């Protein structure tokens, strides 16, 4: 009988911890990915990112080259100079921030529009910066306008996840508490169950620290692509609330684990 109780209780706790992990994951996405305005607020950081600038250089060069005679193109170095001058314009920076707002809206399922850098200020800034290198291309851009896709900002549409996340969080959290609670009640060695749950809290908090601190600070910047820079910005923006959350989990886990060892000796 004791063996069966131990098995059933262990199974309930294991399933409960799985639901707990899912609930924590959903909560952390709500703090990061699903927060409106994350990317727009971090637009200046993205503009300063070498990976984002390099991606914009390539996209801008492609946009400009369509106005040049066949067989000619703007060299990468000159395109880089053009982009640097264009992005130094405060009005263009505002247009870039608006595009990042659209990217966040796309992620939240509020729009399916392509994420592009465009507008009168952007076109005029490109014309002014391009004129010393190719007056012909500058004139063509002035007459036709120019639209540049922002590489890495074409984020997926998560509207279904956004709508289901609050309900799933409540459900998974309730199941985690219920299953772990029942497992704790029927297990013949409750201190063992408490110790297991405490170790899980410690482990999940350290995993969260890896995701929200190590990844955006060290891992994603080393990839050197615009999408990695955007992902790093989103995670960094949530690092404050997330840090408080997983620090709480860590504290509860440590207290719980130490308590089980102390109580076991009494």
Protein backbone atom coordinates (compact mmCIF):
# COMPACT_ATOMS: atom_id res chain seq x y z
CA UNK A 1 0.00 0.00 0.00
CA UNK A 2 2.83 2.36 0.88
CA UNK A 3 4.54 1.66 -2.42
CA UNK A 4 1.35 2.43 -4.36
CA UNK A 5 0.78 5.68 -2.43
CA UNK A 6 4.38 6.68 -3.07
CA UNK A 7 4.05 5.95 -6.80
CA UNK A 8 0.72 7.74 -7.26
CA UNK A 9 1.84 10.74 -5.21
CA UNK A 10 5.12 10.96 -7.12
CA UNK A 11 3.26 10.83 -10.42
CA UNK A 12 0.82 13.56 -9.35
CA UNK A 13 3.65 15.82 -8.20
CA UNK A 14 5.60 15.24 -11.43
CA UNK A 15 2.57 16.15 -13.57
CA UNK A 16 1.86 19.12 -11.30
CA UNK A 17 5.39 20.43 -11.76
CA UNK A 18 5.01 20.15 -15.53
CA UNK A 19 1.89 22.30 -15.35
CA UNK A 20 3.75 24.65 -13.02
CA UNK A 21 6.55 25.02 -15.56
CA UNK A 22 4.04 25.81 -18.29
CA UNK A 23 2.32 28.39 -16.10
CA UNK A 24 5.64 30.09 -15.34
CA UNK A 25 6.56 30.12 -19.05
CA UNK A 26 3.24 31.79 -19.93
CA UNK A 27 3.67 34.35 -17.15
CA UNK A 28 7.15 35.25 -18.39
CA UNK A 29 5.95 35.66 -21.98
CA UNK A 30 3.31 38.05 -20.66
CA UNK A 31 6.09 40.07 -19.02
CA UNK A 32 8.16 40.16 -22.21
CA UNK A 33 6.73 39.25 -25.62
CA UNK A 34 3.15 40.24 -24.92
CA UNK A 35 3.79 43.65 -23.38
CA UNK A 36 2.67 46.41 -25.79
CA UNK A 37 5.28 49.03 -26.63
CA UNK A 38 8.36 46.94 -25.81
CA UNK A 39 9.99 47.38 -29.22
CA UNK A 40 8.92 50.98 -29.74
CA UNK A 41 10.41 51.97 -26.39
CA UNK A 42 13.65 50.22 -27.32
CA UNK A 43 13.90 51.74 -30.83
CA UNK A 44 16.99 53.79 -29.95
CA UNK A 45 18.75 50.66 -28.70
CA UNK A 46 17.91 48.85 -31.93
CA UNK A 47 19.17 51.72 -34.08
CA UNK A 48 22.46 51.61 -32.16
CA UNK A 49 22.79 47.85 -32.70
CA UNK A 50 25.48 47.00 -35.30
CA UNK A 51 23.47 43.95 -36.39
CA UNK A 52 20.36 46.02 -37.07
CA UNK A 53 22.37 48.71 -38.87
CA UNK A 54 24.09 46.11 -41.07
CA UNK A 55 20.71 44.63 -41.96
CA UNK A 56 19.36 48.08 -42.81
CA UNK A 57 22.45 48.79 -44.94
CA UNK A 58 21.71 45.70 -47.03
CA UNK A 59 18.01 46.50 -47.33
CA UNK A 60 18.70 50.15 -48.20
CA UNK A 61 21.28 49.20 -50.83
CA UNK A 62 18.76 46.85 -52.43
CA UNK A 63 16.13 49.59 -52.43
CA UNK A 64 18.51 52.14 -53.98
CA UNK A 65 19.95 49.78 -56.59
CA UNK A 66 16.58 49.39 -58.29
CA UNK A 67 16.92 53.05 -59.39
CA UNK A 68 20.44 52.66 -60.80
CA UNK A 69 21.22 51.70 -64.42
CA UNK A 70 21.42 47.95 -65.01
CA UNK A 71 24.80 46.56 -64.05
CA UNK A 72 25.59 49.34 -61.56
CA UNK A 73 25.02 49.36 -57.82
CA UNK A 74 25.85 51.36 -54.73
CA UNK A 75 28.83 49.86 -52.86
CA UNK A 76 28.20 48.60 -49.34
CA UNK A 77 30.52 51.22 -47.85
CA UNK A 78 28.57 54.05 -49.49
CA UNK A 79 25.25 52.45 -48.48
CA UNK A 80 26.55 52.32 -44.91
CA UNK A 81 27.32 56.05 -45.01
CA UNK A 82 23.83 56.75 -46.36
CA UNK A 83 22.19 54.68 -43.60
CA UNK A 84 24.28 56.34 -40.88
CA UNK A 85 23.22 59.80 -42.09
CA UNK A 86 19.60 58.77 -42.51
CA UNK A 87 19.33 57.23 -39.03
CA UNK A 88 20.84 60.35 -37.44
CA UNK A 89 17.74 62.29 -38.51
CA UNK A 90 15.39 62.62 -35.47
CA UNK A 91 12.31 62.43 -37.67
CA UNK A 92 13.53 59.18 -39.26
CA UNK A 93 14.23 57.84 -35.78
CA UNK A 94 10.60 58.56 -34.97
CA UNK A 95 9.50 56.70 -38.10
CA UNK A 96 11.72 53.77 -37.13
CA UNK A 97 10.16 53.74 -33.64
CA UNK A 98 6.69 53.73 -35.23
CA UNK A 99 7.74 50.76 -37.39
CA UNK A 100 8.87 48.95 -34.24
CA UNK A 101 5.48 49.69 -32.73
CA UNK A 102 3.91 48.03 -35.78
CA UNK A 103 6.21 45.05 -35.30
CA UNK A 104 4.99 44.67 -31.72
CA UNK A 105 1.38 45.02 -32.93
CA UNK A 106 2.05 42.27 -35.47
CA UNK A 107 3.38 40.02 -32.72
CA UNK A 108 0.24 40.65 -30.66
CA UNK A 109 -1.97 39.87 -33.65
CA UNK A 110 -3.23 43.42 -34.04
CA UNK A 111 -1.98 43.84 -37.63
CA UNK A 112 -0.61 41.80 -40.53
CA UNK A 113 1.03 44.73 -42.28
CA UNK A 114 4.68 44.34 -43.40
CA UNK A 115 7.20 46.07 -41.15
CA UNK A 116 8.87 48.75 -43.26
CA UNK A 117 10.70 52.04 -42.92
CA UNK A 118 9.04 54.59 -45.15
CA UNK A 119 7.52 58.04 -45.18
CA UNK A 120 8.37 61.53 -46.47
CA UNK A 121 11.07 62.20 -43.88
CA UNK A 122 12.79 58.89 -44.62
CA UNK A 123 12.66 59.44 -48.38
CA UNK A 124 14.05 62.97 -48.07
CA UNK A 125 16.82 61.81 -45.73
CA UNK A 126 17.81 59.10 -48.22
CA UNK A 127 17.79 61.59 -51.08
CA UNK A 128 20.01 64.05 -49.19
CA UNK A 129 22.48 61.38 -48.10
CA UNK A 130 22.50 59.65 -51.50
CA UNK A 131 22.98 62.74 -53.68
CA UNK A 132 26.80 62.99 -53.23
CA UNK A 133 27.20 59.39 -54.43
CA UNK A 134 24.57 59.20 -57.19
CA UNK A 135 22.51 62.27 -58.15
CA UNK A 136 20.65 60.11 -60.66
CA UNK A 137 19.52 57.64 -57.99
CA UNK A 138 18.77 60.48 -55.58
CA UNK A 139 16.50 62.12 -58.15
CA UNK A 140 14.73 58.83 -58.85
CA UNK A 141 14.18 58.21 -55.13
CA UNK A 142 12.85 61.76 -54.71
CA UNK A 143 10.33 61.21 -57.51
CA UNK A 144 9.21 57.69 -56.58
CA UNK A 145 9.83 57.43 -52.85
CA UNK A 146 11.51 54.51 -51.16
CA UNK A 147 10.34 51.83 -48.76
CA UNK A 148 12.78 49.60 -46.89
CA UNK A 149 11.76 46.38 -45.11
CA UNK A 150 13.27 46.11 -41.63
CA UNK A 151 15.01 42.71 -41.52
CA UNK A 152 14.22 40.67 -38.44
CA UNK A 153 11.12 42.68 -37.54
CA UNK A 154 8.65 40.56 -39.52
CA UNK A 155 7.52 38.84 -36.33
CA UNK A 156 4.96 36.01 -36.21
CA UNK A 157 1.31 36.66 -35.45
CA UNK A 158 0.59 35.35 -31.94
CA UNK A 159 -3.02 36.53 -31.68
CA UNK A 160 -4.36 33.08 -30.72
CA UNK A 161 -1.72 32.68 -28.03
CA UNK A 162 -2.40 36.21 -26.76
CA UNK A 163 -6.12 35.46 -26.37
CA UNK A 164 -5.57 32.07 -24.71
CA UNK A 165 -2.62 32.95 -22.47
CA UNK A 166 -4.58 34.33 -19.46
CA UNK A 167 -6.94 31.34 -19.40
CA UNK A 168 -4.13 28.83 -19.83
CA UNK A 169 -2.15 30.52 -17.07
CA UNK A 170 -5.06 30.25 -14.63
CA UNK A 171 -5.74 26.63 -15.62
CA UNK A 172 -2.13 25.43 -15.44
CA UNK A 173 -1.51 27.24 -12.17
CA UNK A 174 -4.62 25.69 -10.59
CA UNK A 175 -3.68 22.20 -11.83
CA UNK A 176 -0.13 22.59 -10.51
CA UNK A 177 -1.34 23.59 -7.04
CA UNK A 178 -4.02 20.89 -6.96
CA UNK A 179 -1.85 18.01 -8.15
CA UNK A 180 1.14 18.92 -6.00
CA UNK A 181 -1.13 19.45 -3.01
CA UNK A 182 -2.84 16.06 -3.40
CA UNK A 183 0.52 14.38 -3.98
CA UNK A 184 1.89 15.99 -0.83
CA UNK A 185 -1.11 14.81 1.22
CA UNK A 186 -1.06 11.17 0.15
CA UNK A 187 2.73 10.64 -0.01
CA UNK A 188 4.04 8.74 3.02
CA UNK A 189 7.22 10.87 3.09
CA UNK A 190 6.03 14.45 2.81
CA UNK A 191 9.44 15.97 3.48
CA UNK A 192 10.70 14.21 0.36
CA UNK A 193 7.93 15.78 -1.72
CA UNK A 194 8.58 19.24 -0.28
CA UNK A 195 12.28 18.84 -1.01
CA UNK A 196 11.54 17.84 -4.61
CA UNK A 197 9.24 20.83 -5.13
CA UNK A 198 11.82 23.15 -3.56
CA UNK A 199 14.56 21.87 -5.86
CA UNK A 200 12.24 22.38 -8.83
CA UNK A 201 11.66 26.00 -7.78
CA UNK A 202 15.42 26.55 -7.54
CA UNK A 203 16.02 24.93 -10.92
CA UNK A 204 13.24 26.79 -12.74
CA UNK A 205 14.43 30.11 -11.31
CA UNK A 206 17.98 29.47 -12.51
CA UNK A 207 16.63 28.53 -15.95
CA UNK A 208 14.70 31.80 -16.10
CA UNK A 209 17.85 33.70 -15.16
CA UNK A 210 19.61 31.99 -18.07
CA UNK A 211 16.85 33.04 -20.46
CA UNK A 212 16.34 36.62 -19.32
CA UNK A 213 19.87 37.54 -18.29
CA UNK A 214 22.50 35.36 -19.98
CA UNK A 215 20.79 34.99 -23.36
CA UNK A 216 20.17 38.71 -24.11
CA UNK A 217 23.45 39.84 -22.53
CA UNK A 218 25.82 37.27 -24.06
CA UNK A 219 24.24 34.62 -26.29
CA UNK A 220 21.99 36.62 -28.65
CA UNK A 221 24.50 39.46 -29.30
CA UNK A 222 27.06 36.87 -30.40
CA UNK A 223 24.73 35.67 -33.17
CA UNK A 224 25.03 39.02 -34.93
CA UNK A 225 21.72 39.11 -36.80
CA UNK A 226 18.94 41.69 -36.63
CA UNK A 227 16.35 39.21 -35.36
CA UNK A 228 18.71 38.24 -32.52
CA UNK A 229 19.14 41.92 -31.62
CA UNK A 230 15.37 42.39 -31.55
CA UNK A 231 14.89 39.28 -29.40
CA UNK A 232 17.60 40.51 -27.01
CA UNK A 233 15.88 43.88 -26.65
CA UNK A 234 12.54 42.21 -25.83
CA UNK A 235 14.13 39.97 -23.19
CA UNK A 236 16.17 42.82 -21.69
CA UNK A 237 13.06 44.97 -21.42
CA UNK A 238 11.45 42.27 -19.28
CA UNK A 239 14.55 41.54 -17.22
CA UNK A 240 13.44 43.74 -14.31
CA UNK A 241 9.98 42.23 -13.67
CA UNK A 242 11.28 38.77 -14.59
CA UNK A 243 14.24 39.08 -12.21
CA UNK A 244 11.93 39.95 -9.32
CA UNK A 245 9.72 36.99 -10.19
CA UNK A 246 12.42 34.34 -10.44
CA UNK A 247 14.26 35.77 -7.42
CA UNK A 248 11.06 35.12 -5.47
CA UNK A 249 10.92 31.56 -6.81
CA UNK A 250 14.55 31.04 -5.88
CA UNK A 251 14.00 32.39 -2.37
CA UNK A 252 10.97 30.17 -1.77
CA UNK A 253 12.85 27.17 -3.13
CA UNK A 254 15.90 27.72 -0.95
CA UNK A 255 13.80 28.30 2.17
CA UNK A 256 11.71 25.22 1.44
CA UNK A 257 14.72 23.00 0.80
CA UNK A 258 16.56 24.15 3.94
CA UNK A 259 13.38 23.74 5.99
CA UNK A 260 12.96 20.12 4.91
CA UNK A 261 16.53 19.34 5.96
CA UNK A 262 16.08 21.04 9.34
CA UNK A 263 12.70 19.40 10.02
CA UNK A 264 14.07 16.01 9.04
CA UNK A 265 16.61 16.23 11.87
CA UNK A 266 14.04 17.15 14.53
